[in-house]
Amino acid sequence: MMPKAVLLTLLSVLNTNGQEATMIPDPLTALEGRPVTTPEAWRKDRRPEILELFRACEYGRTPRDPFTMTYEVFDEDPKALGGKAIRRQVAIHLGRNGKNLRLDLLLFLPPSAEGKAVPVFTLLNFSGNHTVHADPAIAFPRGLVPKQFQGGRGAKASRFPVEAILARGYGLATAFCGDIDPDFDDGFKNGAHALFDSPGDRPDDAWGTIGAWAWGLSRILDYLVTDPQVDAERVAVLGHSRLGKTALWAGAQDERFSMVISNNSGSGGAALARNKQGERIKDGIEQFPYWYCAHYRNYVNREDELPMDQHMLLALMAPRPVYVASATEDTWADPEGEFLSCVHAGPVYRLFGLDGVGAAELPPPDSPLHRGMIGYHLRTGKHDLTAYDWEQYMDFAELHWR
C-alpha cells in the first residue's frame, strides 16, 4: 500500500535550456523531512524508503515467496563461431506450487574464459535467442513472440555485436523476455505471474510485467554466479527501450549487478517524469498498462504529484556505476529528461565521495561522458541499440571494472 502521508521536499532545478524550472523530489531528504548526510543513513533509511515508493507507485511488489530453481545445460560448444566463442545454452527451471516455468539462457564467452572468469553483460531480447546471432545451434524460443518482434536467425544481430563483445574480453548472456512473461495483456495468467499470483482481484501494488522481467534477470544472475567462467563480481545488466526500464528496476533491486545500463528507456525508465516531454505516463498506461502496477495510473497527467521521480531510480544504483544513453531522433524517450535524471542523481553519488555525470548541460551528440560514476551519451540516430552504444558501454566498463 502507498504510505498514508508522504512529505515531499522539492528541489527547483533548471531544464537543460537553462530556462524552465522543474520541481523534483530531493533524493537526500527523508519522507519525514530529515536530511540524509551520510552513506550509512542512505543505505539504512533513505534507500529502502525510495525502493518502497517505486514498489508502491510504479512497478509493483516483487513476490518474496519461496520457489525452486534448477539448471540444465542442454548445449555446450567450446569452439563456437569458428573458435571465437564458448557457447552455452542453459535451461533455468523455476517452480512453485506445482507450476513450472522454463527460461532458456544463451551465454557466449570469449575463449579466454577457459583460463579465467570473465565479466559479462546480461540483457533480455525481444524476439528469441535465435535472432541474436545466425549461429544455427541457437535454440528457438518456446514462448509466443509478438508479431512486431518476430524474425529469423540473426534478424536482430545488429543489436548484439557478439564478435566485437567477445574480442574485447567480455561475455554476453541473453534470454527471450517472453520466456519470463508475455509482452501483451494476458490478465497476468502466464509466465512468472502464474507462479505467484492468486486468482481474483490483484492489489493496486501488485507487480506488472516490468517487475516480472526484472525478477527473471535476477534468476539469470543466480545461474551466472555459479558458472566458474563468469566473474560474479563483474556482471552488468543492460536493456533497450522497455527492457531498459526493466534493467534499471532489476539493478535497483538486485545489488549483485555491479553495473546498470539503460539504453533509450524513456518514460518509466531513465527519463524524468516531471519533464513531460515525449512519452508520458498516460501513454504507457493507455498502451501498456500491464507493464506497471495499477497504482501508477493515478499519476496520469499528474506527474508533479509523484512522491518520487526517475532520478531517484538512478540514485538507487549508488555507489555502483550506472549508464544512460539517448538518441537524437528518439524524442519519444525524452533525451533531455534522461540526462536530467543523471544530473539529479548526482548528489547521492557525491554523498559517497564519487563524481556523478560530470556535466550540467546536455552534451553534443556523440560526445560521451565517462568521467564519473554516471555515464551518459546522446547518440546521433534513432531509437535503437547500436554498435556505437556497445562501444561506449564497454569503454565505460573498462574504466570501472579494471
Protein backbone atom coordinates (compact mmCIF):
# COMPACT_ATOMS: atom_id res chain seq x y z
CA MET A 1 0.00 0.00 0.00
CA MET A 2 1.04 3.58 -0.62
CA PRO A 3 2.24 5.34 2.55
CA LYS A 4 -0.66 7.32 4.04
CA ALA A 5 1.35 10.52 4.32
CA VAL A 6 4.27 11.37 2.09
CA LEU A 7 6.25 14.52 2.77
CA LEU A 8 7.83 15.78 -0.43
CA THR A 9 10.84 18.05 -0.22
CA LEU A 10 11.03 19.53 -3.70
CA LEU A 11 14.07 20.96 -5.41
CA SER A 12 13.76 23.64 -8.07
CA VAL A 13 16.04 22.76 -10.96
CA LEU A 14 16.59 24.12 -14.43
CA ASN A 15 15.97 22.18 -17.59
CA THR A 16 18.93 21.87 -19.90
CA ASN A 17 17.86 25.00 -21.76
CA GLY A 18 18.50 26.88 -18.53
CA GLN A 19 15.07 28.49 -18.53
CA GLU A 20 12.07 26.48 -17.36
CA ALA A 21 12.10 25.36 -13.72
CA THR A 22 11.17 21.81 -12.78
CA MET A 23 10.31 20.81 -9.21
CA ILE A 24 11.62 17.35 -8.30
CA PRO A 25 11.77 15.38 -5.03
CA ASP A 26 15.05 15.67 -3.15
CA PRO A 27 16.72 12.24 -3.02
CA LEU A 28 18.61 13.27 0.12
CA THR A 29 15.63 14.31 2.25
CA ALA A 30 13.78 11.53 4.07
CA LEU A 31 9.99 11.42 3.98
CA GLU A 32 9.71 12.89 7.46
CA GLY A 33 11.89 15.82 6.38
CA ARG A 34 15.21 14.77 7.87
CA PRO A 35 18.29 15.41 5.68
CA VAL A 36 20.38 12.39 4.70
CA THR A 37 24.01 13.29 5.26
CA THR A 38 25.97 10.02 5.39
CA PRO A 39 26.27 6.89 3.25
CA GLU A 40 25.14 4.89 6.28
CA ALA A 41 21.92 6.90 6.57
CA TRP A 42 21.32 6.49 2.84
CA ARG A 43 21.69 2.73 2.98
CA LYS A 44 19.84 2.19 6.24
CA ASP A 45 16.95 4.63 5.86
CA ARG A 46 16.58 6.55 2.62
CA ARG A 47 17.36 3.85 0.07
CA PRO A 48 14.75 1.40 1.46
CA GLU A 49 12.28 4.27 1.60
CA ILE A 50 12.77 5.09 -2.09
CA LEU A 51 12.57 1.43 -3.09
CA GLU A 52 9.25 1.26 -1.27
CA LEU A 53 7.93 4.26 -3.23
CA PHE A 54 8.77 2.62 -6.56
CA ARG A 55 7.16 -0.64 -5.42
CA ALA A 56 4.00 1.08 -4.22
CA CYS A 57 3.57 3.60 -7.03
CA GLU A 58 5.16 2.35 -10.27
CA TYR A 59 6.50 -1.17 -10.76
CA GLY A 60 4.68 -3.10 -8.04
CA ARG A 61 5.97 -5.55 -5.47
CA THR A 62 8.14 -8.48 -6.45
CA PRO A 63 6.87 -11.55 -4.52
CA ARG A 64 9.14 -12.90 -1.83
CA ASP A 65 7.54 -16.33 -1.70
CA PRO A 66 9.90 -19.31 -1.97
CA PHE A 67 10.35 -21.11 -5.28
CA THR A 68 12.51 -23.89 -6.68
CA MET A 69 15.22 -23.42 -9.28
CA THR A 70 17.36 -25.92 -11.17
CA TYR A 71 19.72 -25.60 -14.14
CA GLU A 72 20.19 -27.85 -17.14
CA VAL A 73 22.99 -27.19 -19.65
CA PHE A 74 21.49 -28.55 -22.85
CA ASP A 75 24.15 -27.31 -25.28
CA GLU A 76 27.83 -26.51 -24.96
CA ASP A 77 30.45 -25.84 -27.62
CA PRO A 78 33.92 -24.63 -26.60
CA LYS A 79 34.76 -23.86 -30.26
CA ALA A 80 31.62 -22.00 -31.35
CA LEU A 81 31.62 -19.27 -34.02
CA GLY A 82 34.69 -20.70 -35.68
CA GLY A 83 36.64 -20.83 -32.44
CA LYS A 84 35.80 -17.27 -31.41
CA ALA A 85 33.46 -18.24 -28.60
CA ILE A 86 32.42 -20.68 -25.95
CA ARG A 87 28.68 -21.16 -26.36
CA ARG A 88 26.50 -22.46 -23.58
CA GLN A 89 22.71 -22.81 -23.52
CA VAL A 90 21.10 -23.35 -20.16
CA ALA A 91 17.50 -24.18 -19.27
CA ILE A 92 16.61 -22.48 -16.00
CA HIS A 93 13.68 -24.33 -14.45
CA LEU A 94 11.58 -22.37 -11.95
CA GLY A 95 8.75 -23.88 -9.95
CA ARG A 96 6.22 -23.17 -7.24
CA ASN A 97 3.07 -24.95 -6.04
CA GLY A 98 3.18 -27.49 -8.85
CA LYS A 99 3.59 -24.85 -11.58
CA ASN A 100 6.72 -24.60 -13.70
CA LEU A 101 8.44 -22.03 -15.88
CA ARG A 102 11.38 -22.60 -18.21
CA LEU A 103 13.79 -19.82 -19.14
CA ASP A 104 16.42 -20.56 -21.79
CA LEU A 105 19.68 -18.67 -21.35
CA LEU A 106 22.15 -18.16 -24.20
CA LEU A 107 25.67 -17.48 -23.00
CA PHE A 108 28.64 -16.56 -25.20
CA LEU A 109 32.06 -16.32 -23.55
CA PRO A 110 35.43 -15.43 -25.11
CA PRO A 111 38.00 -18.23 -25.42
CA SER A 112 39.95 -16.56 -22.61
CA ALA A 113 37.27 -17.84 -20.22
CA GLU A 114 38.95 -21.25 -20.44
CA GLY A 115 41.63 -19.89 -18.15
CA LYS A 116 39.90 -17.23 -16.08
CA ALA A 117 36.49 -15.87 -15.18
CA VAL A 118 35.37 -13.02 -17.42
CA PRO A 119 32.97 -10.06 -16.99
CA VAL A 120 29.55 -10.47 -18.61
CA PHE A 121 26.87 -8.17 -20.00
CA THR A 122 23.38 -9.53 -19.30
CA LEU A 123 20.25 -8.44 -21.16
CA LEU A 124 16.89 -9.69 -22.34
CA ASN A 125 15.89 -9.79 -26.00
CA PHE A 126 12.51 -9.16 -27.62
CA SER A 127 12.38 -11.83 -30.30
CA GLY A 128 14.08 -15.02 -29.15
CA ASN A 129 17.69 -16.05 -28.67
CA HIS A 130 17.93 -17.23 -32.28
CA THR A 131 17.62 -13.62 -33.52
CA VAL A 132 20.74 -12.53 -31.62
CA HIS A 133 23.12 -14.36 -33.98
CA ALA A 134 22.86 -16.50 -37.11
CA ASP A 135 24.56 -19.43 -35.33
CA PRO A 136 22.32 -22.40 -36.35
CA ALA A 137 22.78 -24.13 -32.99
CA ILE A 138 20.89 -21.48 -31.04
CA ALA A 139 17.54 -22.81 -29.84
CA PHE A 140 14.28 -21.25 -30.95
CA PRO A 141 12.00 -19.73 -28.28
CA ARG A 142 9.33 -21.88 -26.72
CA GLY A 143 7.06 -18.99 -25.86
CA LEU A 144 4.94 -16.80 -28.12
CA VAL A 145 6.83 -13.99 -29.90
CA PRO A 146 4.60 -10.94 -30.57
CA LYS A 147 4.18 -10.32 -34.30
CA GLN A 148 6.02 -6.98 -34.25
CA PHE A 149 9.12 -8.66 -32.83
CA GLN A 150 9.27 -11.83 -34.94
CA GLY A 151 12.32 -12.59 -37.06
CA GLY A 152 14.60 -15.31 -38.38
CA ARG A 153 18.06 -16.33 -37.29
CA GLY A 154 20.29 -13.32 -36.75
CA ALA A 155 17.46 -10.88 -37.52
CA LYS A 156 18.45 -8.64 -34.58
CA ALA A 157 22.21 -9.26 -34.75
CA SER A 158 22.90 -5.55 -35.22
CA ARG A 159 21.80 -5.04 -31.62
CA PHE A 160 24.09 -7.82 -30.39
CA PRO A 161 27.59 -7.43 -31.87
CA VAL A 162 28.66 -10.74 -30.40
CA GLU A 163 32.09 -10.99 -32.04
CA ALA A 164 33.02 -7.42 -31.05
CA ILE A 165 31.96 -8.04 -27.45
CA LEU A 166 33.97 -11.25 -27.28
CA ALA A 167 37.01 -9.60 -28.86
CA ARG A 168 37.03 -7.07 -26.02
CA GLY A 169 37.13 -9.90 -23.48
CA TYR A 170 33.52 -9.72 -22.34
CA GLY A 171 30.81 -12.34 -22.27
CA LEU A 172 27.18 -11.92 -23.33
CA ALA A 173 24.21 -13.53 -21.58
CA THR A 174 20.73 -13.13 -23.04
CA ALA A 175 17.26 -14.63 -22.81
CA PHE A 176 13.91 -14.07 -24.52
CA CYS A 177 11.77 -11.79 -22.34
CA GLY A 178 8.69 -13.81 -23.34
CA ASP A 179 10.15 -16.84 -21.56
CA ILE A 180 9.70 -14.88 -18.32
CA ASP A 181 6.44 -13.08 -19.02
CA PRO A 182 4.49 -12.36 -22.23
CA ASP A 183 4.64 -8.84 -23.63
CA PHE A 184 0.89 -8.47 -24.02
CA ASP A 185 -2.06 -8.10 -21.68
CA ASP A 186 -2.91 -11.70 -20.70
CA GLY A 187 -4.53 -10.83 -17.39
CA PHE A 188 -1.33 -11.90 -15.62
CA LYS A 189 -2.26 -15.57 -16.12
CA ASN A 190 1.01 -16.77 -17.67
CA GLY A 191 4.74 -16.57 -17.13
CA ALA A 192 6.19 -15.55 -13.80
CA HIS A 193 2.87 -14.15 -12.60
CA ALA A 194 1.28 -17.61 -12.84
CA LEU A 195 3.84 -18.94 -10.36
CA PHE A 196 2.96 -16.44 -7.64
CA ASP A 197 -0.29 -14.57 -8.22
CA SER A 198 -3.50 -15.81 -6.65
CA PRO A 199 -6.72 -15.88 -8.69
CA GLY A 200 -9.09 -12.98 -8.20
CA ASP A 201 -8.52 -9.30 -7.63
CA ARG A 202 -4.96 -8.05 -7.68
CA PRO A 203 -3.96 -5.29 -5.22
CA ASP A 204 -3.05 -1.94 -6.75
CA ASP A 205 0.60 -2.52 -5.90
CA ALA A 206 0.83 -5.99 -7.48
CA TRP A 207 3.79 -6.35 -9.82
CA GLY A 208 3.44 -5.80 -13.55
CA THR A 209 5.38 -7.23 -16.47
CA ILE A 210 8.40 -4.96 -15.98
CA GLY A 211 8.59 -6.33 -12.44
CA ALA A 212 8.38 -9.89 -13.72
CA TRP A 213 11.08 -9.33 -16.33
CA ALA A 214 13.32 -7.77 -13.67
CA TRP A 215 12.74 -10.81 -11.45
CA GLY A 216 13.80 -13.01 -14.38
CA LEU A 217 17.03 -11.07 -14.80
CA SER A 218 17.88 -11.85 -11.19
CA ARG A 219 17.21 -15.53 -11.85
CA ILE A 220 19.68 -15.37 -14.75
CA LEU A 221 22.19 -13.84 -12.35
CA ASP A 222 21.51 -16.68 -9.91
CA TYR A 223 22.87 -19.02 -12.57
CA LEU A 224 25.75 -16.80 -13.70
CA VAL A 225 27.24 -16.57 -10.21
CA THR A 226 27.53 -20.38 -10.20
CA ASP A 227 29.41 -20.52 -13.51
CA PRO A 228 33.17 -20.67 -12.85
CA GLN A 229 33.89 -18.97 -16.19
CA VAL A 230 31.84 -15.88 -15.23
CA ASP A 231 33.29 -13.20 -12.96
CA ALA A 232 30.41 -12.89 -10.50
CA GLU A 233 31.72 -9.52 -9.27
CA ARG A 234 31.53 -8.01 -12.77
CA VAL A 235 28.10 -8.73 -14.21
CA ALA A 236 26.31 -5.80 -15.84
CA VAL A 237 22.59 -5.64 -16.55
CA LEU A 238 21.63 -3.81 -19.74
CA GLY A 239 18.37 -3.16 -21.55
CA HIS A 240 16.95 -1.30 -24.54
CA SER A 241 13.62 0.55 -24.61
CA ARG A 242 11.04 -1.20 -22.37
CA LEU A 243 13.78 -3.64 -21.42
CA GLY A 244 15.89 -0.62 -20.45
CA LYS A 245 13.19 0.26 -17.93
CA THR A 246 13.44 -3.34 -16.79
CA ALA A 247 17.23 -3.26 -16.43
CA LEU A 248 17.01 -0.20 -14.19
CA TRP A 249 14.40 -1.80 -11.93
CA ALA A 250 16.40 -5.05 -11.81
CA GLY A 251 19.59 -3.18 -10.92
CA ALA A 252 17.82 -1.12 -8.27
CA GLN A 253 16.51 -4.22 -6.51
CA ASP A 254 19.46 -6.56 -7.00
CA GLU A 255 22.77 -5.04 -5.96
CA ARG A 256 24.67 -8.06 -7.21
CA PHE A 257 24.58 -6.40 -10.64
CA SER A 258 27.78 -4.38 -10.47
CA MET A 259 26.84 -2.07 -13.37
CA VAL A 260 23.44 -0.98 -14.70
CA ILE A 261 22.85 0.30 -18.24
CA SER A 262 19.73 1.91 -19.71
CA ASN A 263 19.53 2.34 -23.49
CA ASN A 264 16.73 4.66 -24.77
CA SER A 265 14.46 3.69 -21.86
CA GLY A 266 12.40 6.91 -21.69
CA SER A 267 9.28 7.24 -19.56
CA GLY A 268 9.15 4.73 -16.73
CA GLY A 269 12.88 4.25 -17.27
CA ALA A 270 15.58 6.92 -17.05
CA ALA A 271 13.55 9.96 -18.17
CA LEU A 272 12.41 12.43 -15.53
CA ALA A 273 8.59 12.16 -15.49
CA ARG A 274 8.22 15.78 -14.46
CA ASN A 275 9.99 16.90 -17.65
CA LYS A 276 6.77 15.96 -19.53
CA GLN A 277 8.36 15.54 -22.95
CA GLY A 278 7.77 12.70 -25.40
CA GLU A 279 6.16 9.64 -23.87
CA ARG A 280 4.32 10.40 -20.66
CA ILE A 281 2.71 8.23 -18.01
CA LYS A 282 -0.66 8.41 -19.77
CA ASP A 283 0.88 6.95 -22.94
CA GLY A 284 2.32 3.99 -21.07
CA ILE A 285 -0.92 3.35 -19.22
CA GLU A 286 -3.05 3.62 -22.37
CA GLN A 287 -0.85 1.31 -24.47
CA PHE A 288 0.87 -0.99 -21.98
CA PRO A 289 -0.96 -0.86 -18.64
CA TYR A 290 0.30 -4.34 -17.75
CA TRP A 291 3.89 -3.11 -17.55
CA TYR A 292 3.22 -1.30 -14.28
CA CYS A 293 1.25 -1.71 -11.08
CA ALA A 294 -2.32 -0.39 -11.10
CA HIS A 295 -1.42 2.43 -8.71
CA TYR A 296 0.72 4.08 -11.42
CA ARG A 297 -2.39 5.14 -13.33
CA ASN A 298 -3.19 7.56 -10.51
CA TYR A 299 -0.41 9.79 -11.86
CA VAL A 300 -1.71 10.15 -15.42
CA ASN A 301 -1.37 13.87 -16.18
CA ARG A 302 -0.36 14.29 -12.53
CA GLU A 303 3.39 13.67 -12.71
CA ASP A 304 4.07 16.51 -10.27
CA GLU A 305 2.26 14.52 -7.56
CA LEU A 306 4.58 11.52 -7.77
CA PRO A 307 6.34 11.05 -4.44
CA MET A 308 9.49 10.11 -6.36
CA ASP A 309 10.89 10.52 -9.87
CA GLN A 310 13.27 8.61 -12.10
CA HIS A 311 16.43 10.40 -10.93
CA MET A 312 15.82 8.58 -7.66
CA LEU A 313 15.72 5.26 -9.53
CA LEU A 314 19.20 6.01 -10.89
CA ALA A 315 20.31 7.05 -7.41
CA LEU A 316 19.38 3.59 -6.10
CA MET A 317 22.38 2.23 -8.02
CA ALA A 318 24.87 4.25 -5.93
CA PRO A 319 27.72 3.68 -5.38
CA ARG A 320 27.74 1.29 -8.38
CA PRO A 321 28.32 2.71 -11.89
CA VAL A 322 25.20 3.39 -13.96
CA TYR A 323 24.96 4.41 -17.62
CA VAL A 324 22.14 6.13 -19.53
CA ALA A 325 22.06 6.50 -23.32
CA SER A 326 19.77 8.61 -25.52
CA ALA A 327 19.44 9.19 -29.28
CA THR A 328 18.94 12.48 -31.11
CA GLU A 329 15.91 11.31 -33.12
CA ASP A 330 14.35 9.42 -30.22
CA THR A 331 12.36 12.35 -28.86
CA TRP A 332 9.69 9.93 -27.59
CA ALA A 333 12.21 8.74 -24.98
CA ASP A 334 12.97 12.38 -23.98
CA PRO A 335 16.78 12.66 -24.13
CA GLU A 336 16.64 15.83 -22.05
CA GLY A 337 14.65 14.10 -19.33
CA GLU A 338 17.04 11.15 -19.35
CA PHE A 339 20.02 13.46 -18.94
CA LEU A 340 18.29 15.46 -16.19
CA SER A 341 17.82 12.26 -14.21
CA CYS A 342 21.56 11.65 -14.44
CA VAL A 343 22.29 15.17 -13.21
CA HIS A 344 19.92 14.97 -10.24
CA ALA A 345 21.05 11.50 -9.15
CA GLY A 346 24.49 13.06 -8.72
CA PRO A 347 24.11 14.27 -5.10
CA VAL A 348 23.70 10.70 -3.90
CA TYR A 349 26.94 9.68 -5.59
CA ARG A 350 28.67 12.72 -4.10
CA LEU A 351 27.48 11.52 -0.69
CA PHE A 352 29.76 8.52 -1.31
CA GLY A 353 32.62 10.80 -2.37
CA LEU A 354 32.10 9.93 -6.04
CA ASP A 355 31.55 12.03 -9.14
CA GLY A 356 28.18 11.80 -10.91
CA VAL A 357 27.69 12.52 -14.60
CA GLY A 358 30.24 15.35 -14.57
CA ALA A 359 28.20 17.91 -16.55
CA ALA A 360 25.19 20.15 -16.02
CA GLU A 361 24.24 20.64 -19.69
CA LEU A 362 23.18 18.09 -22.29
CA PRO A 363 26.33 17.19 -24.22
CA PRO A 364 26.56 17.44 -28.02
CA PRO A 365 25.72 14.30 -29.99
CA ASP A 366 28.35 11.57 -29.98
CA SER A 367 30.29 13.18 -27.11
CA PRO A 368 30.07 10.58 -24.33
CA LEU A 369 30.50 11.50 -20.68
CA HIS A 370 32.56 8.84 -18.91
CA ARG A 371 34.28 10.93 -16.24
CA GLY A 372 32.09 9.98 -13.30
CA MET A 373 30.16 7.02 -11.95
CA ILE A 374 27.13 8.05 -14.02
CA GLY A 375 27.86 7.61 -17.72
CA TYR A 376 25.83 9.26 -20.47
CA HIS A 377 25.82 9.75 -24.21
CA LEU A 378 23.48 11.22 -26.80
CA ARG A 379 23.95 9.19 -29.98
CA THR A 380 23.12 10.51 -33.44
CA GLY A 381 20.24 8.46 -34.81
CA LYS A 382 17.02 6.69 -33.96
CA HIS A 383 15.58 4.54 -31.19
CA ASP A 384 17.90 1.53 -31.35
CA LEU A 385 20.74 -0.35 -29.69
CA THR A 386 23.77 0.03 -31.94
CA ALA A 387 27.43 -0.93 -32.20
CA TYR A 388 28.28 2.65 -31.16
CA ASP A 389 26.27 2.23 -27.95
CA TRP A 390 28.03 -1.03 -27.17
CA GLU A 391 31.46 0.55 -27.68
CA GLN A 392 30.60 3.20 -25.09
CA TYR A 393 29.36 0.61 -22.61
CA MET A 394 32.48 -1.48 -23.00
CA ASP A 395 34.73 1.59 -22.67
CA PHE A 396 32.86 2.62 -19.52
CA ALA A 397 33.13 -0.91 -18.14
CA GLU A 398 36.88 -0.90 -18.67
CA LEU A 399 37.13 2.26 -16.57
CA HIS A 400 35.19 0.78 -13.67
CA TRP A 401 35.97 -2.93 -13.90
CA ARG A 402 39.70 -2.53 -14.40
